[in-house]
Amino acid sequence: MTAPHPGTPDSAPSERRPGSDLSHWSAGSLFGILLLIAALPYVNTLAKASEPNLAAYDHLGYIALRQRDFGRAEQRFKIALSLNPVDNQARLHLGTVYALTGRPAEARREYESVLASDPKNAAALAALDKLSGGTPASKSSGH
């Protein structure tokens, strides 16, 4: 009988490599990350074009966010917002960067800015709820 490959469910925990347990990732999430990484050279080319490309900066920011490179993600989202200050997607992602880096007041400001232009934006409402500890007004008031 052969020993299980390190990182497989049958291997002993001491044999597992750090970061090798992908059980919490769905196949769709992993595929999406691989697609983002594969698109990175193309998106970088768009960002370096003579005319700034909002979508390229938003995508680069999202890739950096998924890679947990928060400094680069913040920079890219700020560039996207300088090109289009009402880009709610970049603003939501920038809020996420702020929330994940311990800056809740800045995150709240970004989410509230999205809600000022789109009061029913589900992602901004959910992010604010999470930032507030997951107690929306409807739960705390007993409704």
N, C-alpha and C. Protein backbone atom coordinates (compact mmCIF):
# COMPACT_ATOMS: atom_id res chain seq x y z
N MET A 1 0.85 -1.18 0.00
CA MET A 1 0.00 0.00 0.00
C MET A 1 0.89 1.24 0.00
N THR A 2 0.55 2.21 -0.84
CA THR A 2 1.36 3.43 -0.91
C THR A 2 0.80 4.47 0.04
N ALA A 3 1.69 5.33 0.49
CA ALA A 3 1.28 6.41 1.41
C ALA A 3 0.50 7.46 0.64
N PRO A 4 -0.51 8.06 1.28
CA PRO A 4 -1.27 9.10 0.60
C PRO A 4 -0.38 10.31 0.30
N HIS A 5 -0.73 11.00 -0.76
CA HIS A 5 0.00 12.23 -1.15
C HIS A 5 -0.23 13.30 -0.09
N PRO A 6 0.84 14.01 0.32
CA PRO A 6 0.65 15.09 1.31
C PRO A 6 -0.43 16.07 0.85
N GLY A 7 -1.28 16.43 1.76
CA GLY A 7 -2.34 17.39 1.46
C GLY A 7 -3.65 16.74 1.05
N THR A 8 -3.66 15.38 0.92
CA THR A 8 -4.90 14.71 0.60
C THR A 8 -5.63 14.40 1.89
N PRO A 9 -6.94 14.16 1.81
CA PRO A 9 -7.71 13.92 3.04
C PRO A 9 -7.21 12.75 3.87
N ASP A 10 -6.57 11.74 3.23
CA ASP A 10 -6.12 10.57 3.97
C ASP A 10 -4.75 10.75 4.61
N SER A 11 -4.07 11.86 4.34
CA SER A 11 -2.74 12.04 4.91
C SER A 11 -2.86 12.59 6.32
N ALA A 12 -1.84 12.32 7.10
CA ALA A 12 -1.82 12.81 8.48
C ALA A 12 -1.68 14.33 8.46
N PRO A 13 -2.28 15.04 9.42
CA PRO A 13 -2.18 16.49 9.45
C PRO A 13 -0.75 17.00 9.44
N SER A 14 0.17 16.27 10.05
CA SER A 14 1.56 16.73 10.09
C SER A 14 2.22 16.67 8.72
N GLU A 15 1.66 15.88 7.78
CA GLU A 15 2.22 15.76 6.45
C GLU A 15 1.68 16.83 5.50
N ARG A 16 0.66 17.52 5.86
CA ARG A 16 0.04 18.49 4.96
C ARG A 16 0.90 19.72 4.83
N ARG A 17 0.96 20.24 3.61
CA ARG A 17 1.68 21.48 3.36
C ARG A 17 0.77 22.64 3.73
N PRO A 18 1.33 23.73 4.26
CA PRO A 18 0.51 24.90 4.57
C PRO A 18 -0.19 25.41 3.32
N GLY A 19 -1.47 25.71 3.44
CA GLY A 19 -2.23 26.24 2.32
C GLY A 19 -2.70 25.19 1.34
N SER A 20 -2.45 23.89 1.63
CA SER A 20 -2.83 22.86 0.67
C SER A 20 -4.28 22.43 0.82
N ASP A 21 -4.95 22.78 1.89
CA ASP A 21 -6.34 22.40 2.09
C ASP A 21 -7.25 23.39 1.38
N LEU A 22 -7.79 22.97 0.26
CA LEU A 22 -8.67 23.83 -0.54
C LEU A 22 -10.13 23.45 -0.38
N SER A 23 -10.44 22.67 0.67
CA SER A 23 -11.80 22.16 0.83
C SER A 23 -12.82 23.26 1.03
N HIS A 24 -12.39 24.43 1.53
CA HIS A 24 -13.34 25.51 1.76
C HIS A 24 -13.63 26.31 0.49
N TRP A 25 -12.93 26.03 -0.60
CA TRP A 25 -13.13 26.72 -1.87
C TRP A 25 -14.06 25.90 -2.75
N SER A 26 -14.98 26.56 -3.42
CA SER A 26 -15.82 25.85 -4.37
C SER A 26 -15.06 25.75 -5.68
N ALA A 27 -15.45 24.81 -6.52
CA ALA A 27 -14.80 24.66 -7.82
C ALA A 27 -14.96 25.94 -8.63
N GLY A 28 -16.11 26.57 -8.54
CA GLY A 28 -16.35 27.81 -9.27
C GLY A 28 -15.42 28.92 -8.82
N SER A 29 -15.19 29.02 -7.50
CA SER A 29 -14.29 30.05 -6.98
C SER A 29 -12.87 29.82 -7.47
N LEU A 30 -12.41 28.58 -7.42
CA LEU A 30 -11.06 28.27 -7.88
C LEU A 30 -10.92 28.54 -9.37
N PHE A 31 -11.93 28.17 -10.15
CA PHE A 31 -11.89 28.42 -11.58
C PHE A 31 -11.87 29.92 -11.86
N GLY A 32 -12.66 30.68 -11.11
CA GLY A 32 -12.70 32.13 -11.28
C GLY A 32 -11.35 32.75 -10.98
N ILE A 33 -10.69 32.30 -9.94
CA ILE A 33 -9.36 32.82 -9.59
C ILE A 33 -8.36 32.50 -10.70
N LEU A 34 -8.43 31.27 -11.22
CA LEU A 34 -7.52 30.90 -12.30
C LEU A 34 -7.76 31.76 -13.54
N LEU A 35 -9.03 32.05 -13.85
CA LEU A 35 -9.32 32.92 -14.99
C LEU A 35 -8.78 34.32 -14.77
N LEU A 36 -8.94 34.84 -13.55
CA LEU A 36 -8.41 36.17 -13.25
C LEU A 36 -6.90 36.21 -13.42
N ILE A 37 -6.22 35.20 -12.92
CA ILE A 37 -4.76 35.16 -13.02
C ILE A 37 -4.34 35.04 -14.48
N ALA A 38 -5.07 34.23 -15.26
CA ALA A 38 -4.75 34.09 -16.68
C ALA A 38 -4.95 35.40 -17.44
N ALA A 39 -5.92 36.20 -17.01
CA ALA A 39 -6.22 37.46 -17.69
C ALA A 39 -5.28 38.59 -17.26
N LEU A 40 -4.50 38.39 -16.23
CA LEU A 40 -3.67 39.45 -15.67
C LEU A 40 -2.76 40.13 -16.71
N PRO A 41 -2.04 39.40 -17.58
CA PRO A 41 -1.19 40.10 -18.56
C PRO A 41 -1.99 41.01 -19.48
N TYR A 42 -3.16 40.56 -19.93
CA TYR A 42 -4.00 41.37 -20.81
C TYR A 42 -4.50 42.62 -20.10
N VAL A 43 -4.94 42.46 -18.87
CA VAL A 43 -5.46 43.59 -18.11
C VAL A 43 -4.34 44.58 -17.81
N ASN A 44 -3.15 44.09 -17.51
CA ASN A 44 -2.00 44.98 -17.29
C ASN A 44 -1.70 45.81 -18.54
N THR A 45 -1.81 45.18 -19.70
CA THR A 45 -1.59 45.90 -20.97
C THR A 45 -2.62 47.01 -21.13
N LEU A 46 -3.87 46.73 -20.82
CA LEU A 46 -4.92 47.75 -20.91
C LEU A 46 -4.63 48.91 -19.97
N ALA A 47 -4.18 48.60 -18.77
CA ALA A 47 -3.92 49.64 -17.78
C ALA A 47 -2.76 50.54 -18.21
N LYS A 48 -1.82 49.99 -18.97
CA LYS A 48 -0.67 50.77 -19.40
C LYS A 48 -0.90 51.50 -20.72
N ALA A 49 -2.06 51.33 -21.32
CA ALA A 49 -2.37 51.97 -22.59
C ALA A 49 -2.34 53.49 -22.43
N SER A 50 -2.22 54.19 -23.54
CA SER A 50 -2.11 55.65 -23.48
C SER A 50 -3.36 56.28 -22.88
N GLU A 51 -4.52 55.70 -23.09
CA GLU A 51 -5.75 56.22 -22.49
C GLU A 51 -6.12 55.31 -21.32
N PRO A 52 -6.18 55.84 -20.11
CA PRO A 52 -6.50 55.00 -18.95
C PRO A 52 -7.82 54.24 -19.14
N ASN A 53 -7.84 53.01 -18.71
CA ASN A 53 -8.99 52.15 -18.89
C ASN A 53 -9.58 51.80 -17.53
N LEU A 54 -10.75 52.34 -17.25
CA LEU A 54 -11.42 52.14 -15.97
C LEU A 54 -11.59 50.65 -15.65
N ALA A 55 -12.08 49.89 -16.60
CA ALA A 55 -12.33 48.46 -16.36
C ALA A 55 -11.03 47.73 -16.02
N ALA A 56 -9.94 48.11 -16.68
CA ALA A 56 -8.67 47.44 -16.40
C ALA A 56 -8.25 47.67 -14.96
N TYR A 57 -8.35 48.91 -14.49
CA TYR A 57 -7.96 49.19 -13.10
C TYR A 57 -8.88 48.50 -12.11
N ASP A 58 -10.16 48.44 -12.43
CA ASP A 58 -11.09 47.75 -11.54
C ASP A 58 -10.76 46.26 -11.48
N HIS A 59 -10.46 45.67 -12.63
CA HIS A 59 -10.10 44.24 -12.66
C HIS A 59 -8.77 43.98 -11.95
N LEU A 60 -7.79 44.85 -12.19
CA LEU A 60 -6.51 44.69 -11.50
C LEU A 60 -6.67 44.80 -9.99
N GLY A 61 -7.51 45.72 -9.56
CA GLY A 61 -7.79 45.86 -8.14
C GLY A 61 -8.44 44.62 -7.57
N TYR A 62 -9.39 44.06 -8.32
CA TYR A 62 -10.09 42.87 -7.86
C TYR A 62 -9.13 41.68 -7.78
N ILE A 63 -8.26 41.54 -8.77
CA ILE A 63 -7.27 40.46 -8.74
C ILE A 63 -6.38 40.61 -7.51
N ALA A 64 -5.90 41.83 -7.27
CA ALA A 64 -5.04 42.07 -6.10
C ALA A 64 -5.81 41.79 -4.80
N LEU A 65 -7.08 42.17 -4.76
CA LEU A 65 -7.90 41.91 -3.58
C LEU A 65 -8.02 40.41 -3.33
N ARG A 66 -8.28 39.64 -4.39
CA ARG A 66 -8.41 38.18 -4.25
C ARG A 66 -7.08 37.56 -3.82
N GLN A 67 -5.96 38.19 -4.21
CA GLN A 67 -4.64 37.69 -3.82
C GLN A 67 -4.23 38.23 -2.45
N ARG A 68 -5.10 39.01 -1.85
CA ARG A 68 -4.88 39.62 -0.54
C ARG A 68 -3.69 40.59 -0.55
N ASP A 69 -3.46 41.20 -1.70
CA ASP A 69 -2.45 42.25 -1.85
C ASP A 69 -3.20 43.58 -1.70
N PHE A 70 -3.50 43.92 -0.44
CA PHE A 70 -4.41 45.03 -0.17
C PHE A 70 -3.85 46.39 -0.59
N GLY A 71 -2.55 46.58 -0.48
CA GLY A 71 -1.96 47.85 -0.89
C GLY A 71 -2.15 48.09 -2.38
N ARG A 72 -1.87 47.08 -3.17
CA ARG A 72 -2.04 47.21 -4.61
C ARG A 72 -3.52 47.33 -4.97
N ALA A 73 -4.38 46.57 -4.30
CA ALA A 73 -5.81 46.65 -4.58
C ALA A 73 -6.32 48.07 -4.30
N GLU A 74 -5.93 48.62 -3.17
CA GLU A 74 -6.36 49.98 -2.82
C GLU A 74 -5.91 50.98 -3.89
N GLN A 75 -4.68 50.85 -4.30
CA GLN A 75 -4.14 51.76 -5.32
C GLN A 75 -4.95 51.66 -6.62
N ARG A 76 -5.23 50.46 -7.06
CA ARG A 76 -5.96 50.26 -8.33
C ARG A 76 -7.39 50.80 -8.24
N PHE A 77 -8.06 50.54 -7.12
CA PHE A 77 -9.43 51.03 -6.98
C PHE A 77 -9.46 52.56 -6.92
N LYS A 78 -8.47 53.15 -6.29
CA LYS A 78 -8.41 54.61 -6.24
C LYS A 78 -8.19 55.20 -7.63
N ILE A 79 -7.37 54.54 -8.44
CA ILE A 79 -7.19 55.00 -9.82
C ILE A 79 -8.50 54.88 -10.59
N ALA A 80 -9.19 53.74 -10.43
CA ALA A 80 -10.48 53.56 -11.10
C ALA A 80 -11.45 54.66 -10.69
N LEU A 81 -11.46 55.01 -9.41
CA LEU A 81 -12.37 56.06 -8.94
C LEU A 81 -11.94 57.44 -9.41
N SER A 82 -10.66 57.64 -9.64
CA SER A 82 -10.23 58.93 -10.18
C SER A 82 -10.69 59.07 -11.63
N LEU A 83 -10.83 57.94 -12.32
CA LEU A 83 -11.32 57.96 -13.70
C LEU A 83 -12.84 58.10 -13.76
N ASN A 84 -13.51 57.55 -12.75
CA ASN A 84 -14.97 57.61 -12.69
C ASN A 84 -15.40 57.58 -11.22
N PRO A 85 -15.59 58.75 -10.61
CA PRO A 85 -15.91 58.82 -9.18
C PRO A 85 -17.23 58.15 -8.78
N VAL A 86 -18.09 57.86 -9.73
CA VAL A 86 -19.36 57.21 -9.39
C VAL A 86 -19.37 55.72 -9.74
N ASP A 87 -18.19 55.12 -9.86
CA ASP A 87 -18.08 53.68 -10.13
C ASP A 87 -18.34 52.92 -8.83
N ASN A 88 -19.59 52.49 -8.66
CA ASN A 88 -19.97 51.84 -7.41
C ASN A 88 -19.23 50.53 -7.18
N GLN A 89 -18.91 49.81 -8.23
CA GLN A 89 -18.20 48.54 -8.05
C GLN A 89 -16.81 48.79 -7.46
N ALA A 90 -16.07 49.74 -8.01
CA ALA A 90 -14.74 50.06 -7.47
C ALA A 90 -14.87 50.59 -6.05
N ARG A 91 -15.90 51.37 -5.78
CA ARG A 91 -16.10 51.93 -4.45
C ARG A 91 -16.42 50.82 -3.44
N LEU A 92 -17.24 49.86 -3.82
CA LEU A 92 -17.53 48.72 -2.94
C LEU A 92 -16.26 47.92 -2.65
N HIS A 93 -15.48 47.68 -3.69
CA HIS A 93 -14.24 46.92 -3.49
C HIS A 93 -13.25 47.69 -2.62
N LEU A 94 -13.17 49.00 -2.81
CA LEU A 94 -12.29 49.81 -1.97
C LEU A 94 -12.76 49.74 -0.51
N GLY A 95 -14.07 49.77 -0.29
CA GLY A 95 -14.61 49.60 1.06
C GLY A 95 -14.21 48.26 1.66
N THR A 96 -14.21 47.23 0.82
CA THR A 96 -13.80 45.90 1.29
C THR A 96 -12.33 45.91 1.71
N VAL A 97 -11.48 46.57 0.91
CA VAL A 97 -10.07 46.69 1.28
C VAL A 97 -9.95 47.37 2.64
N TYR A 98 -10.67 48.47 2.80
CA TYR A 98 -10.61 49.19 4.08
C TYR A 98 -11.09 48.31 5.24
N ALA A 99 -12.19 47.60 5.03
CA ALA A 99 -12.72 46.73 6.09
C ALA A 99 -11.72 45.63 6.46
N LEU A 100 -11.08 45.05 5.46
CA LEU A 100 -10.15 43.95 5.70
C LEU A 100 -8.81 44.42 6.28
N THR A 101 -8.55 45.71 6.21
CA THR A 101 -7.28 46.23 6.74
C THR A 101 -7.50 47.06 7.99
N GLY A 102 -8.64 46.84 8.65
CA GLY A 102 -8.87 47.47 9.95
C GLY A 102 -9.21 48.94 9.90
N ARG A 103 -9.85 49.39 8.83
CA ARG A 103 -10.23 50.80 8.72
C ARG A 103 -11.74 50.90 8.52
N PRO A 104 -12.52 50.56 9.56
CA PRO A 104 -13.97 50.51 9.41
C PRO A 104 -14.62 51.86 9.08
N ALA A 105 -14.07 52.96 9.59
CA ALA A 105 -14.67 54.27 9.29
C ALA A 105 -14.55 54.59 7.80
N GLU A 106 -13.40 54.25 7.22
CA GLU A 106 -13.22 54.49 5.79
C GLU A 106 -14.09 53.55 4.97
N ALA A 107 -14.21 52.30 5.42
CA ALA A 107 -15.07 51.34 4.73
C ALA A 107 -16.52 51.83 4.76
N ARG A 108 -16.97 52.27 5.91
CA ARG A 108 -18.34 52.77 6.06
C ARG A 108 -18.58 53.95 5.10
N ARG A 109 -17.60 54.85 5.01
CA ARG A 109 -17.73 56.01 4.12
C ARG A 109 -17.93 55.56 2.67
N GLU A 110 -17.19 54.56 2.24
CA GLU A 110 -17.32 54.07 0.85
C GLU A 110 -18.68 53.41 0.63
N TYR A 111 -19.11 52.58 1.57
CA TYR A 111 -20.40 51.90 1.43
C TYR A 111 -21.55 52.91 1.44
N GLU A 112 -21.46 53.90 2.31
CA GLU A 112 -22.50 54.92 2.37
C GLU A 112 -22.52 55.78 1.11
N SER A 113 -21.38 55.98 0.51
CA SER A 113 -21.31 56.71 -0.75
C SER A 113 -22.03 55.94 -1.86
N VAL A 114 -21.87 54.62 -1.88
CA VAL A 114 -22.58 53.80 -2.85
C VAL A 114 -24.08 53.93 -2.62
N LEU A 115 -24.49 53.86 -1.35
CA LEU A 115 -25.92 53.94 -1.03
C LEU A 115 -26.51 55.31 -1.33
N ALA A 116 -25.70 56.35 -1.32
CA ALA A 116 -26.19 57.69 -1.66
C ALA A 116 -26.65 57.74 -3.12
N SER A 117 -25.97 57.00 -3.99
CA SER A 117 -26.36 56.99 -5.40
C SER A 117 -27.27 55.81 -5.75
N ASP A 118 -27.26 54.78 -4.92
CA ASP A 118 -28.06 53.58 -5.17
C ASP A 118 -28.55 53.03 -3.82
N PRO A 119 -29.62 53.63 -3.27
CA PRO A 119 -30.06 53.29 -1.91
C PRO A 119 -30.42 51.82 -1.67
N LYS A 120 -30.70 51.07 -2.71
CA LYS A 120 -31.08 49.66 -2.54
C LYS A 120 -29.95 48.71 -2.94
N ASN A 121 -28.73 49.21 -3.04
CA ASN A 121 -27.61 48.37 -3.44
C ASN A 121 -27.39 47.29 -2.39
N ALA A 122 -27.70 46.06 -2.77
CA ALA A 122 -27.67 44.94 -1.83
C ALA A 122 -26.26 44.68 -1.29
N ALA A 123 -25.25 44.82 -2.13
CA ALA A 123 -23.88 44.56 -1.68
C ALA A 123 -23.44 45.59 -0.64
N ALA A 124 -23.78 46.85 -0.86
CA ALA A 124 -23.41 47.90 0.11
C ALA A 124 -24.18 47.72 1.41
N LEU A 125 -25.45 47.37 1.31
CA LEU A 125 -26.26 47.15 2.53
C LEU A 125 -25.69 45.97 3.33
N ALA A 126 -25.34 44.89 2.63
CA ALA A 126 -24.78 43.71 3.31
C ALA A 126 -23.42 44.03 3.94
N ALA A 127 -22.61 44.81 3.23
CA ALA A 127 -21.29 45.16 3.75
C ALA A 127 -21.42 46.03 5.00
N LEU A 128 -22.35 46.99 4.97
CA LEU A 128 -22.58 47.82 6.16
C LEU A 128 -23.09 46.98 7.32
N ASP A 129 -23.97 46.05 7.02
CA ASP A 129 -24.50 45.15 8.05
C ASP A 129 -23.36 44.34 8.68
N LYS A 130 -22.49 43.82 7.85
CA LYS A 130 -21.36 43.03 8.35
C LYS A 130 -20.41 43.91 9.17
N LEU A 131 -20.19 45.12 8.70
CA LEU A 131 -19.32 46.07 9.40
C LEU A 131 -19.89 46.43 10.76
N SER A 132 -21.22 46.44 10.86
CA SER A 132 -21.90 46.80 12.11
C SER A 132 -22.07 45.61 13.04
N GLY A 133 -21.50 44.49 12.68
CA GLY A 133 -21.60 43.30 13.52
C GLY A 133 -22.75 42.40 13.18
N GLY A 134 -23.37 42.61 12.02
CA GLY A 134 -24.42 41.72 11.57
C GLY A 134 -25.75 41.89 12.25
N THR A 135 -26.02 43.06 12.79
CA THR A 135 -27.31 43.30 13.41
C THR A 135 -28.05 44.42 12.70
N PRO A 136 -28.74 44.09 11.61
CA PRO A 136 -29.50 45.11 10.93
C PRO A 136 -30.63 45.63 11.81
N ALA A 137 -31.11 46.78 11.51
CA ALA A 137 -32.15 47.41 12.31
C ALA A 137 -33.37 46.52 12.47
N SER A 138 -33.70 45.76 11.43
CA SER A 138 -34.89 44.91 11.51
C SER A 138 -34.71 43.81 12.54
N LYS A 139 -33.49 43.31 12.73
CA LYS A 139 -33.26 42.27 13.75
C LYS A 139 -33.25 42.88 15.14
N SER A 140 -32.58 44.01 15.29
CA SER A 140 -32.45 44.58 16.62
C SER A 140 -33.74 45.16 17.15
N SER A 141 -34.67 45.50 16.26
CA SER A 141 -35.94 46.06 16.72
C SER A 141 -36.99 44.98 16.95
N GLY A 142 -36.59 43.71 16.70
CA GLY A 142 -37.49 42.61 16.99
C GLY A 142 -38.48 42.32 15.90
N HIS A 143 -38.32 42.85 14.70
CA HIS A 143 -39.25 42.60 13.58
C HIS A 143 -38.85 41.36 12.84
